[in-house]
Amino acid sequence: MALPDRIPGWTIEGLAIVSADHMIADANGVQPNALKPEADQRFFHAALEKADAVVHGRHSSEGGPQAASRRRLILTRRVPALERDPDNARAVQWNPAGATLAQALDAIGVSGGLLCIIGGTEVFGLFLDLGYDAFHLTRAPQVRLPAGRPVFPNIPPDTPENLLVRHGLKPDPMRLLDPSEGLTLVTWRR
């Protein structure tokens, strides 16, 4: 996918939970329940409540009672540029090779605010290159997903933290979300 253009008036934040081996889903692209702990789900949905638009791939979504009400861009290569999503009037399918990010946001009727990126791997990578203002990275150290789908391209051999540093982000102090699961959250900021 081509690099989208950076747009003034938008704050771009990524939200991801990863296993001990840096994966967001298993080998079949499914996020297991072990990566949906209650403490992270509360943080995730609270963050999405502030979003003016959500961006994700065609296999990712946030679920929850408010999901259908959010404006969203669904990245896919199945359309040449932009097409209304047949299943959601508030969503547009977007191929970055055929339309700019500005055109895609215009197509869903938003002109500024908070843009939340929620996955998958290529989507997280696309916006890593564009430049996150913040990336909220939750770690579930008790979960392992061998041969799973990584949070960013080039993992392994790299780590999410190294990639975030190389793209100009710095970590806030670590927060413990759930001591019983060792669940931690670090927000990385530009």
N, C-alpha and C. Protein backbone atom coordinates (compact mmCIF):
# COMPACT_ATOMS: atom_id res chain seq x y z
N MET A 1 0.83 -1.18 0.00
CA MET A 1 0.00 0.00 0.00
C MET A 1 0.88 1.25 0.00
N ALA A 2 0.43 2.25 -0.69
CA ALA A 2 1.16 3.50 -0.74
C ALA A 2 0.98 4.27 0.56
N LEU A 3 1.91 5.15 0.84
CA LEU A 3 1.86 5.97 2.03
C LEU A 3 0.79 7.05 1.89
N PRO A 4 -0.15 7.12 2.85
CA PRO A 4 -1.15 8.18 2.77
C PRO A 4 -0.55 9.53 3.14
N ASP A 5 -1.27 10.60 2.81
CA ASP A 5 -0.80 11.93 3.12
C ASP A 5 -1.17 12.30 4.55
N ARG A 6 -0.31 13.10 5.18
CA ARG A 6 -0.61 13.60 6.54
C ARG A 6 -1.56 14.78 6.39
N ILE A 7 -2.58 14.85 7.24
CA ILE A 7 -3.61 15.87 7.09
C ILE A 7 -3.65 16.76 8.32
N PRO A 8 -3.56 18.08 8.14
CA PRO A 8 -3.68 18.99 9.28
C PRO A 8 -5.08 18.87 9.91
N GLY A 9 -5.15 19.10 11.20
CA GLY A 9 -6.43 19.04 11.89
C GLY A 9 -6.77 17.68 12.45
N TRP A 10 -5.91 16.70 12.21
CA TRP A 10 -6.17 15.35 12.70
C TRP A 10 -5.09 14.92 13.69
N THR A 11 -5.50 14.24 14.74
CA THR A 11 -4.60 13.55 15.66
C THR A 11 -4.77 12.07 15.36
N ILE A 12 -3.65 11.39 15.15
CA ILE A 12 -3.68 9.97 14.79
C ILE A 12 -3.15 9.14 15.96
N GLU A 13 -4.00 8.23 16.45
CA GLU A 13 -3.62 7.36 17.56
C GLU A 13 -3.88 5.91 17.20
N GLY A 14 -2.91 5.06 17.52
CA GLY A 14 -3.07 3.62 17.33
C GLY A 14 -3.39 2.96 18.65
N LEU A 15 -4.15 1.88 18.59
CA LEU A 15 -4.53 1.10 19.77
C LEU A 15 -4.33 -0.37 19.46
N ALA A 16 -3.45 -1.03 20.24
CA ALA A 16 -3.20 -2.45 19.99
C ALA A 16 -2.87 -3.15 21.30
N ILE A 17 -3.26 -4.41 21.36
CA ILE A 17 -2.81 -5.31 22.43
C ILE A 17 -2.02 -6.41 21.74
N VAL A 18 -0.87 -6.75 22.32
CA VAL A 18 -0.01 -7.77 21.72
C VAL A 18 0.33 -8.85 22.74
N SER A 19 0.59 -10.03 22.21
CA SER A 19 1.03 -11.16 23.02
C SER A 19 2.50 -10.97 23.40
N ALA A 20 3.02 -11.88 24.20
CA ALA A 20 4.43 -11.82 24.58
C ALA A 20 5.35 -11.86 23.37
N ASP A 21 4.89 -12.50 22.29
CA ASP A 21 5.69 -12.59 21.07
C ASP A 21 5.26 -11.58 20.01
N HIS A 22 4.63 -10.46 20.44
CA HIS A 22 4.31 -9.28 19.61
C HIS A 22 3.19 -9.50 18.61
N MET A 23 2.32 -10.49 18.83
CA MET A 23 1.26 -10.79 17.88
C MET A 23 -0.08 -10.17 18.30
N ILE A 24 -0.88 -9.79 17.29
CA ILE A 24 -2.22 -9.25 17.53
C ILE A 24 -3.32 -10.26 17.20
N ALA A 25 -2.93 -11.36 16.56
CA ALA A 25 -3.90 -12.39 16.17
C ALA A 25 -3.14 -13.70 15.96
N ASP A 26 -3.89 -14.79 15.89
CA ASP A 26 -3.27 -16.09 15.67
C ASP A 26 -2.92 -16.26 14.19
N ALA A 27 -2.44 -17.43 13.84
CA ALA A 27 -2.01 -17.70 12.46
C ALA A 27 -3.15 -17.57 11.45
N ASN A 28 -4.40 -17.71 11.90
CA ASN A 28 -5.56 -17.58 11.01
C ASN A 28 -6.10 -16.15 10.95
N GLY A 29 -5.43 -15.23 11.65
CA GLY A 29 -5.88 -13.84 11.65
C GLY A 29 -6.98 -13.55 12.64
N VAL A 30 -7.21 -14.45 13.58
CA VAL A 30 -8.26 -14.29 14.58
C VAL A 30 -7.65 -13.82 15.90
N GLN A 31 -8.24 -12.78 16.47
CA GLN A 31 -7.78 -12.32 17.78
C GLN A 31 -8.43 -13.22 18.83
N PRO A 32 -7.63 -14.00 19.56
CA PRO A 32 -8.21 -14.91 20.55
C PRO A 32 -8.74 -14.14 21.76
N ASN A 33 -9.62 -14.78 22.50
CA ASN A 33 -10.17 -14.15 23.70
C ASN A 33 -9.10 -13.78 24.71
N ALA A 34 -7.98 -14.51 24.70
CA ALA A 34 -6.88 -14.20 25.61
C ALA A 34 -6.32 -12.80 25.36
N LEU A 35 -6.53 -12.25 24.15
CA LEU A 35 -6.10 -10.88 23.85
C LEU A 35 -7.27 -9.90 23.95
N LYS A 36 -8.30 -10.29 24.69
CA LYS A 36 -9.43 -9.41 24.93
C LYS A 36 -9.74 -9.33 26.43
N PRO A 37 -8.70 -9.12 27.26
CA PRO A 37 -8.96 -9.07 28.70
C PRO A 37 -9.81 -7.84 29.05
N GLU A 38 -10.59 -7.98 30.07
CA GLU A 38 -11.55 -6.94 30.45
C GLU A 38 -10.89 -5.58 30.67
N ALA A 39 -9.75 -5.54 31.35
CA ALA A 39 -9.10 -4.26 31.63
C ALA A 39 -8.70 -3.54 30.34
N ASP A 40 -8.18 -4.27 29.38
CA ASP A 40 -7.80 -3.65 28.11
C ASP A 40 -9.03 -3.26 27.31
N GLN A 41 -10.06 -4.08 27.33
CA GLN A 41 -11.29 -3.75 26.61
C GLN A 41 -11.90 -2.45 27.14
N ARG A 42 -11.85 -2.24 28.45
CA ARG A 42 -12.36 -0.98 29.02
C ARG A 42 -11.56 0.21 28.49
N PHE A 43 -10.21 0.08 28.50
CA PHE A 43 -9.36 1.16 28.00
C PHE A 43 -9.63 1.40 26.51
N PHE A 44 -9.67 0.34 25.74
CA PHE A 44 -9.86 0.40 24.30
C PHE A 44 -11.18 1.10 23.94
N HIS A 45 -12.27 0.66 24.54
CA HIS A 45 -13.58 1.25 24.21
C HIS A 45 -13.71 2.68 24.71
N ALA A 46 -13.08 2.99 25.83
CA ALA A 46 -13.08 4.39 26.32
C ALA A 46 -12.33 5.28 25.34
N ALA A 47 -11.23 4.79 24.79
CA ALA A 47 -10.47 5.57 23.81
C ALA A 47 -11.29 5.77 22.54
N LEU A 48 -11.98 4.73 22.09
CA LEU A 48 -12.78 4.84 20.87
C LEU A 48 -13.97 5.78 21.03
N GLU A 49 -14.46 5.95 22.24
CA GLU A 49 -15.58 6.88 22.47
C GLU A 49 -15.19 8.31 22.09
N LYS A 50 -13.90 8.62 22.12
CA LYS A 50 -13.41 9.96 21.79
C LYS A 50 -13.11 10.13 20.30
N ALA A 51 -13.12 9.03 19.55
CA ALA A 51 -12.72 9.04 18.14
C ALA A 51 -13.77 9.70 17.25
N ASP A 52 -13.29 10.47 16.29
CA ASP A 52 -14.16 11.03 15.25
C ASP A 52 -14.28 10.08 14.08
N ALA A 53 -13.28 9.19 13.93
CA ALA A 53 -13.31 8.16 12.89
C ALA A 53 -12.35 7.05 13.31
N VAL A 54 -12.64 5.85 12.81
CA VAL A 54 -11.83 4.66 13.10
C VAL A 54 -11.34 4.10 11.76
N VAL A 55 -10.11 3.59 11.78
CA VAL A 55 -9.53 2.99 10.58
C VAL A 55 -9.07 1.58 10.93
N HIS A 56 -9.44 0.63 10.05
CA HIS A 56 -9.01 -0.75 10.26
C HIS A 56 -9.07 -1.51 8.94
N GLY A 57 -8.47 -2.68 8.95
CA GLY A 57 -8.52 -3.56 7.79
C GLY A 57 -9.85 -4.29 7.75
N ARG A 58 -10.06 -5.03 6.67
CA ARG A 58 -11.36 -5.67 6.51
C ARG A 58 -11.59 -6.85 7.45
N HIS A 59 -10.54 -7.32 8.13
CA HIS A 59 -10.70 -8.41 9.09
C HIS A 59 -10.69 -7.91 10.53
N SER A 60 -10.53 -6.63 10.74
CA SER A 60 -10.47 -6.06 12.08
C SER A 60 -11.71 -5.21 12.34
N SER A 61 -12.08 -5.13 13.59
CA SER A 61 -13.12 -4.20 14.02
C SER A 61 -13.13 -4.22 15.53
N GLU A 62 -13.85 -3.27 16.11
CA GLU A 62 -13.80 -3.17 17.56
C GLU A 62 -14.95 -3.83 18.29
N GLY A 63 -16.04 -4.10 17.61
CA GLY A 63 -17.19 -4.68 18.30
C GLY A 63 -17.76 -3.71 19.33
N GLY A 64 -18.60 -4.21 20.17
CA GLY A 64 -19.18 -3.38 21.22
C GLY A 64 -20.44 -2.67 20.75
N PRO A 65 -21.18 -2.11 21.71
CA PRO A 65 -22.48 -1.52 21.39
C PRO A 65 -22.42 -0.26 20.53
N GLN A 66 -21.30 0.44 20.53
CA GLN A 66 -21.20 1.69 19.77
C GLN A 66 -20.56 1.53 18.39
N ALA A 67 -20.12 0.34 18.05
CA ALA A 67 -19.37 0.12 16.80
C ALA A 67 -20.13 0.61 15.57
N ALA A 68 -21.41 0.32 15.48
CA ALA A 68 -22.18 0.69 14.28
C ALA A 68 -22.36 2.19 14.14
N SER A 69 -22.19 2.93 15.20
CA SER A 69 -22.41 4.38 15.13
C SER A 69 -21.16 5.16 14.72
N ARG A 70 -20.00 4.50 14.66
CA ARG A 70 -18.76 5.21 14.35
C ARG A 70 -18.53 5.30 12.85
N ARG A 71 -18.03 6.46 12.43
CA ARG A 71 -17.56 6.61 11.06
C ARG A 71 -16.25 5.84 10.94
N ARG A 72 -16.08 5.16 9.80
CA ARG A 72 -14.89 4.34 9.68
C ARG A 72 -14.41 4.19 8.25
N LEU A 73 -13.11 3.97 8.15
CA LEU A 73 -12.47 3.61 6.89
C LEU A 73 -12.01 2.17 7.02
N ILE A 74 -12.36 1.37 6.04
CA ILE A 74 -11.97 -0.04 6.03
C ILE A 74 -10.98 -0.22 4.88
N LEU A 75 -9.72 -0.46 5.21
CA LEU A 75 -8.70 -0.63 4.18
C LEU A 75 -8.84 -1.97 3.49
N THR A 76 -8.78 -1.94 2.16
CA THR A 76 -8.90 -3.15 1.37
C THR A 76 -8.31 -2.92 -0.02
N ARG A 77 -7.83 -3.98 -0.62
CA ARG A 77 -7.38 -3.91 -2.01
C ARG A 77 -8.50 -4.33 -2.96
N ARG A 78 -9.66 -4.68 -2.43
CA ARG A 78 -10.77 -5.18 -3.24
C ARG A 78 -11.52 -4.08 -3.98
N VAL A 79 -11.24 -2.83 -3.67
CA VAL A 79 -11.86 -1.71 -4.38
C VAL A 79 -10.75 -0.90 -5.03
N PRO A 80 -11.03 -0.21 -6.15
CA PRO A 80 -9.96 0.55 -6.80
C PRO A 80 -9.55 1.80 -6.03
N ALA A 81 -10.48 2.44 -5.33
CA ALA A 81 -10.16 3.67 -4.61
C ALA A 81 -11.04 3.78 -3.36
N LEU A 82 -12.29 4.22 -3.57
CA LEU A 82 -13.24 4.40 -2.47
C LEU A 82 -14.60 3.84 -2.88
N GLU A 83 -15.23 3.13 -1.95
CA GLU A 83 -16.60 2.66 -2.18
C GLU A 83 -17.31 2.62 -0.85
N ARG A 84 -18.58 2.98 -0.88
CA ARG A 84 -19.41 2.84 0.32
C ARG A 84 -19.42 1.38 0.73
N ASP A 85 -19.36 1.13 2.02
CA ASP A 85 -19.44 -0.24 2.51
C ASP A 85 -20.89 -0.70 2.40
N PRO A 86 -21.14 -1.83 1.77
CA PRO A 86 -22.53 -2.27 1.59
C PRO A 86 -23.23 -2.65 2.89
N ASP A 87 -22.47 -2.91 3.94
CA ASP A 87 -23.06 -3.36 5.20
C ASP A 87 -23.15 -2.27 6.27
N ASN A 88 -22.57 -1.08 6.00
CA ASN A 88 -22.53 -0.04 7.02
C ASN A 88 -22.54 1.33 6.34
N ALA A 89 -23.60 2.07 6.50
CA ALA A 89 -23.74 3.38 5.85
C ALA A 89 -22.74 4.40 6.36
N ARG A 90 -22.14 4.16 7.51
CA ARG A 90 -21.17 5.10 8.09
C ARG A 90 -19.72 4.72 7.74
N ALA A 91 -19.56 3.73 6.87
CA ALA A 91 -18.23 3.23 6.54
C ALA A 91 -17.95 3.34 5.05
N VAL A 92 -16.66 3.54 4.75
CA VAL A 92 -16.19 3.57 3.37
C VAL A 92 -15.03 2.60 3.26
N GLN A 93 -15.05 1.78 2.21
CA GLN A 93 -13.91 0.92 1.91
C GLN A 93 -12.89 1.78 1.16
N TRP A 94 -11.63 1.68 1.60
CA TRP A 94 -10.59 2.57 1.08
C TRP A 94 -9.37 1.76 0.66
N ASN A 95 -8.94 1.99 -0.58
CA ASN A 95 -7.68 1.45 -1.08
C ASN A 95 -6.72 2.63 -1.19
N PRO A 96 -5.69 2.71 -0.32
CA PRO A 96 -4.76 3.84 -0.37
C PRO A 96 -4.00 3.96 -1.69
N ALA A 97 -3.98 2.90 -2.49
CA ALA A 97 -3.33 2.98 -3.81
C ALA A 97 -4.17 3.79 -4.79
N GLY A 98 -5.45 3.99 -4.50
CA GLY A 98 -6.33 4.68 -5.43
C GLY A 98 -6.90 5.99 -4.94
N ALA A 99 -6.77 6.27 -3.63
CA ALA A 99 -7.31 7.51 -3.08
C ALA A 99 -6.47 7.94 -1.89
N THR A 100 -6.39 9.23 -1.68
CA THR A 100 -5.61 9.76 -0.56
C THR A 100 -6.40 9.61 0.74
N LEU A 101 -5.70 9.74 1.84
CA LEU A 101 -6.36 9.72 3.14
C LEU A 101 -7.35 10.88 3.23
N ALA A 102 -6.98 12.05 2.72
CA ALA A 102 -7.89 13.20 2.74
C ALA A 102 -9.18 12.88 1.98
N GLN A 103 -9.07 12.26 0.84
CA GLN A 103 -10.26 11.89 0.06
C GLN A 103 -11.11 10.88 0.82
N ALA A 104 -10.46 9.93 1.47
CA ALA A 104 -11.18 8.91 2.22
C ALA A 104 -11.94 9.53 3.39
N LEU A 105 -11.28 10.42 4.12
CA LEU A 105 -11.95 11.06 5.26
C LEU A 105 -13.10 11.94 4.79
N ASP A 106 -12.90 12.60 3.67
CA ASP A 106 -13.98 13.41 3.10
C ASP A 106 -15.18 12.52 2.73
N ALA A 107 -14.90 11.33 2.25
CA ALA A 107 -15.97 10.41 1.84
C ALA A 107 -16.83 9.94 3.01
N ILE A 108 -16.26 9.94 4.23
CA ILE A 108 -17.07 9.57 5.39
C ILE A 108 -17.60 10.80 6.12
N GLY A 109 -17.30 11.98 5.58
CA GLY A 109 -17.91 13.19 6.11
C GLY A 109 -17.33 13.73 7.39
N VAL A 110 -16.02 13.56 7.57
CA VAL A 110 -15.37 14.14 8.74
C VAL A 110 -14.21 15.02 8.28
N SER A 111 -13.98 16.10 9.03
CA SER A 111 -12.96 17.06 8.58
C SER A 111 -11.86 17.30 9.59
N GLY A 112 -11.87 16.62 10.71
CA GLY A 112 -10.81 16.80 11.69
C GLY A 112 -11.17 16.16 13.00
N GLY A 113 -10.16 15.99 13.85
CA GLY A 113 -10.38 15.41 15.16
C GLY A 113 -9.45 14.25 15.41
N LEU A 114 -9.97 13.25 16.10
CA LEU A 114 -9.19 12.08 16.49
C LEU A 114 -9.47 10.91 15.55
N LEU A 115 -8.41 10.40 14.95
CA LEU A 115 -8.48 9.25 14.06
C LEU A 115 -7.81 8.08 14.78
N CYS A 116 -8.59 7.04 15.11
CA CYS A 116 -8.06 5.88 15.83
C CYS A 116 -7.81 4.74 14.86
N ILE A 117 -6.60 4.21 14.89
CA ILE A 117 -6.18 3.11 14.03
C ILE A 117 -6.20 1.85 14.90
N ILE A 118 -6.96 0.82 14.46
CA ILE A 118 -7.13 -0.36 15.31
C ILE A 118 -6.70 -1.68 14.65
N GLY A 119 -5.96 -1.62 13.54
CA GLY A 119 -5.39 -2.85 12.99
C GLY A 119 -5.97 -3.24 11.67
N GLY A 120 -5.40 -4.22 11.10
CA GLY A 120 -4.38 -5.19 11.44
C GLY A 120 -2.98 -4.72 11.09
N THR A 121 -2.14 -5.71 10.85
CA THR A 121 -0.70 -5.49 10.68
C THR A 121 -0.38 -4.44 9.63
N GLU A 122 -0.88 -4.59 8.41
CA GLU A 122 -0.56 -3.64 7.34
C GLU A 122 -1.11 -2.25 7.63
N VAL A 123 -2.27 -2.18 8.25
CA VAL A 123 -2.86 -0.89 8.58
C VAL A 123 -2.01 -0.19 9.63
N PHE A 124 -1.63 -0.92 10.68
CA PHE A 124 -0.74 -0.33 11.69
C PHE A 124 0.57 0.13 11.05
N GLY A 125 1.11 -0.67 10.14
CA GLY A 125 2.36 -0.31 9.48
C GLY A 125 2.22 0.91 8.59
N LEU A 126 1.12 1.02 7.86
CA LEU A 126 0.88 2.17 6.99
C LEU A 126 0.89 3.46 7.79
N PHE A 127 0.22 3.47 8.92
CA PHE A 127 0.16 4.68 9.73
C PHE A 127 1.42 4.88 10.56
N LEU A 128 2.19 3.83 10.80
CA LEU A 128 3.49 3.99 11.44
C LEU A 128 4.38 4.84 10.54
N ASP A 129 4.32 4.56 9.23
CA ASP A 129 5.09 5.35 8.28
C ASP A 129 4.57 6.78 8.17
N LEU A 130 3.26 6.95 8.25
CA LEU A 130 2.66 8.28 8.18
C LEU A 130 3.02 9.11 9.40
N GLY A 131 2.95 8.51 10.55
CA GLY A 131 3.31 9.20 11.78
C GLY A 131 2.17 9.26 12.78
N TYR A 132 2.24 8.41 13.77
CA TYR A 132 1.27 8.45 14.86
C TYR A 132 1.59 9.64 15.76
N ASP A 133 0.57 10.25 16.30
CA ASP A 133 0.77 11.22 17.38
C ASP A 133 0.91 10.47 18.69
N ALA A 134 0.22 9.34 18.81
CA ALA A 134 0.32 8.47 19.97
C ALA A 134 0.00 7.03 19.54
N PHE A 135 0.61 6.10 20.23
CA PHE A 135 0.31 4.69 20.01
C PHE A 135 0.19 4.04 21.37
N HIS A 136 -0.99 3.49 21.68
CA HIS A 136 -1.27 2.85 22.95
C HIS A 136 -1.02 1.36 22.79
N LEU A 137 0.06 0.87 23.41
CA LEU A 137 0.47 -0.53 23.24
C LEU A 137 0.28 -1.28 24.56
N THR A 138 -0.69 -2.18 24.57
CA THR A 138 -0.93 -3.05 25.72
C THR A 138 -0.21 -4.36 25.48
N ARG A 139 0.39 -4.89 26.53
CA ARG A 139 1.08 -6.17 26.45
C ARG A 139 0.40 -7.20 27.35
N ALA A 140 0.15 -8.36 26.78
CA ALA A 140 -0.40 -9.50 27.52
C ALA A 140 0.70 -10.55 27.61
N PRO A 141 1.56 -10.47 28.63
CA PRO A 141 2.76 -11.32 28.69
C PRO A 141 2.49 -12.81 28.90
N GLN A 142 1.28 -13.16 29.29
CA GLN A 142 0.97 -14.57 29.52
C GLN A 142 0.44 -15.26 28.26
N VAL A 143 0.30 -14.50 27.18
CA VAL A 143 -0.25 -15.04 25.93
C VAL A 143 0.88 -15.19 24.91
N ARG A 144 0.91 -16.33 24.23
CA ARG A 144 1.85 -16.56 23.13
C ARG A 144 1.05 -17.04 21.93
N LEU A 145 1.40 -16.50 20.75
CA LEU A 145 0.72 -16.88 19.51
C LEU A 145 1.77 -17.23 18.45
N PRO A 146 2.36 -18.41 18.54
CA PRO A 146 3.38 -18.80 17.56
C PRO A 146 2.83 -18.71 16.14
N ALA A 147 3.61 -18.17 15.25
CA ALA A 147 3.25 -18.01 13.83
C ALA A 147 2.02 -17.12 13.66
N GLY A 148 1.76 -16.25 14.63
CA GLY A 148 0.61 -15.36 14.55
C GLY A 148 0.86 -14.16 13.66
N ARG A 149 -0.06 -13.21 13.71
CA ARG A 149 0.04 -11.97 12.93
C ARG A 149 0.62 -10.87 13.81
N PRO A 150 1.74 -10.26 13.41
CA PRO A 150 2.39 -9.25 14.25
C PRO A 150 1.67 -7.91 14.19
N VAL A 151 1.94 -7.09 15.19
CA VAL A 151 1.33 -5.77 15.23
C VAL A 151 1.81 -4.89 14.07
N PHE A 152 3.09 -4.96 13.73
CA PHE A 152 3.66 -4.20 12.61
C PHE A 152 4.39 -5.15 11.67
N PRO A 153 4.50 -4.78 10.39
CA PRO A 153 5.38 -5.54 9.50
C PRO A 153 6.81 -5.55 10.06
N ASN A 154 7.61 -6.51 9.69
CA ASN A 154 9.01 -6.66 10.10
C ASN A 154 9.17 -7.11 11.54
N ILE A 155 8.13 -7.71 12.11
CA ILE A 155 8.21 -8.33 13.43
C ILE A 155 7.93 -9.81 13.23
N PRO A 156 8.76 -10.74 13.72
CA PRO A 156 10.14 -10.46 14.04
C PRO A 156 10.96 -10.16 12.79
N PRO A 157 12.13 -9.78 12.84
CA PRO A 157 13.04 -9.81 13.97
C PRO A 157 12.93 -8.60 14.90
N ASP A 158 12.30 -7.54 14.45
CA ASP A 158 12.22 -6.33 15.27
C ASP A 158 11.16 -6.47 16.35
N THR A 159 11.06 -5.47 17.23
CA THR A 159 10.02 -5.42 18.25
C THR A 159 9.16 -4.18 18.02
N PRO A 160 7.94 -4.18 18.52
CA PRO A 160 7.10 -2.98 18.38
C PRO A 160 7.76 -1.75 18.98
N GLU A 161 8.37 -1.92 20.15
CA GLU A 161 9.00 -0.79 20.82
C GLU A 161 10.13 -0.18 19.98
N ASN A 162 10.97 -1.03 19.40
CA ASN A 162 12.06 -0.52 18.56
C ASN A 162 11.52 0.24 17.35
N LEU A 163 10.47 -0.28 16.74
CA LEU A 163 9.89 0.40 15.58
C LEU A 163 9.27 1.74 15.98
N LEU A 164 8.61 1.79 17.12
CA LEU A 164 8.02 3.05 17.58
C LEU A 164 9.11 4.09 17.84
N VAL A 165 10.21 3.68 18.47
CA VAL A 165 11.34 4.59 18.71
C VAL A 165 11.90 5.10 17.39
N ARG A 166 12.13 4.19 16.44
CA ARG A 166 12.69 4.59 15.13
C ARG A 166 11.77 5.53 14.37
N HIS A 167 10.47 5.52 14.70
CA HIS A 167 9.53 6.42 14.04
C HIS A 167 9.22 7.65 14.90
N GLY A 168 10.13 7.95 15.83
CA GLY A 168 10.07 9.22 16.56
C GLY A 168 9.15 9.27 17.76
N LEU A 169 8.70 8.13 18.28
CA LEU A 169 7.83 8.14 19.45
C LEU A 169 8.62 7.78 20.71
N LYS A 170 8.17 8.34 21.83
CA LYS A 170 8.82 8.11 23.12
C LYS A 170 7.78 7.59 24.10
N PRO A 171 8.21 6.67 24.99
CA PRO A 171 7.23 6.06 25.90
C PRO A 171 6.89 6.93 27.10
N ASP A 172 5.61 6.95 27.45
CA ASP A 172 5.17 7.45 28.75
C ASP A 172 5.50 6.36 29.77
N PRO A 173 5.36 6.64 31.05
CA PRO A 173 5.56 5.58 32.04
C PRO A 173 4.56 4.44 31.84
N MET A 174 5.00 3.24 32.15
CA MET A 174 4.16 2.06 32.02
C MET A 174 3.05 2.09 33.06
N ARG A 175 1.84 1.66 32.62
CA ARG A 175 0.70 1.53 33.52
C ARG A 175 0.35 0.06 33.65
N LEU A 176 0.04 -0.36 34.86
CA LEU A 176 -0.39 -1.73 35.09
C LEU A 176 -1.91 -1.75 34.99
N LEU A 177 -2.45 -2.43 33.97
CA LEU A 177 -3.89 -2.50 33.78
C LEU A 177 -4.54 -3.61 34.59
N ASP A 178 -3.84 -4.73 34.73
CA ASP A 178 -4.39 -5.86 35.48
C ASP A 178 -3.24 -6.66 36.06
N PRO A 179 -2.98 -6.51 37.37
CA PRO A 179 -1.86 -7.21 37.99
C PRO A 179 -1.97 -8.73 37.89
N SER A 180 -3.19 -9.27 37.96
CA SER A 180 -3.35 -10.73 37.92
C SER A 180 -2.91 -11.33 36.59
N GLU A 181 -2.98 -10.55 35.53
CA GLU A 181 -2.57 -11.02 34.20
C GLU A 181 -1.24 -10.42 33.76
N GLY A 182 -0.68 -9.52 34.58
CA GLY A 182 0.55 -8.84 34.20
C GLY A 182 0.35 -7.89 33.03
N LEU A 183 -0.88 -7.48 32.81
CA LEU A 183 -1.27 -6.65 31.66
C LEU A 183 -0.75 -5.23 31.85
N THR A 184 0.06 -4.76 30.91
CA THR A 184 0.62 -3.41 30.99
C THR A 184 0.25 -2.59 29.77
N LEU A 185 0.25 -1.27 29.95
CA LEU A 185 -0.03 -0.35 28.87
C LEU A 185 1.04 0.73 28.86
N VAL A 186 1.61 0.97 27.68
CA VAL A 186 2.52 2.10 27.50
C VAL A 186 1.98 2.91 26.33
N THR A 187 1.83 4.20 26.56
CA THR A 187 1.45 5.11 25.48
C THR A 187 2.74 5.74 24.96
N TRP A 188 2.94 5.61 23.68
CA TRP A 188 4.09 6.19 22.98
C TRP A 188 3.64 7.46 22.31
N ARG A 189 4.39 8.55 22.48
CA ARG A 189 3.98 9.84 21.93
C ARG A 189 5.07 10.48 21.07
N ARG A 190 4.62 11.26 20.10
CA ARG A 190 5.53 12.00 19.24
C ARG A 190 6.17 13.12 20.04
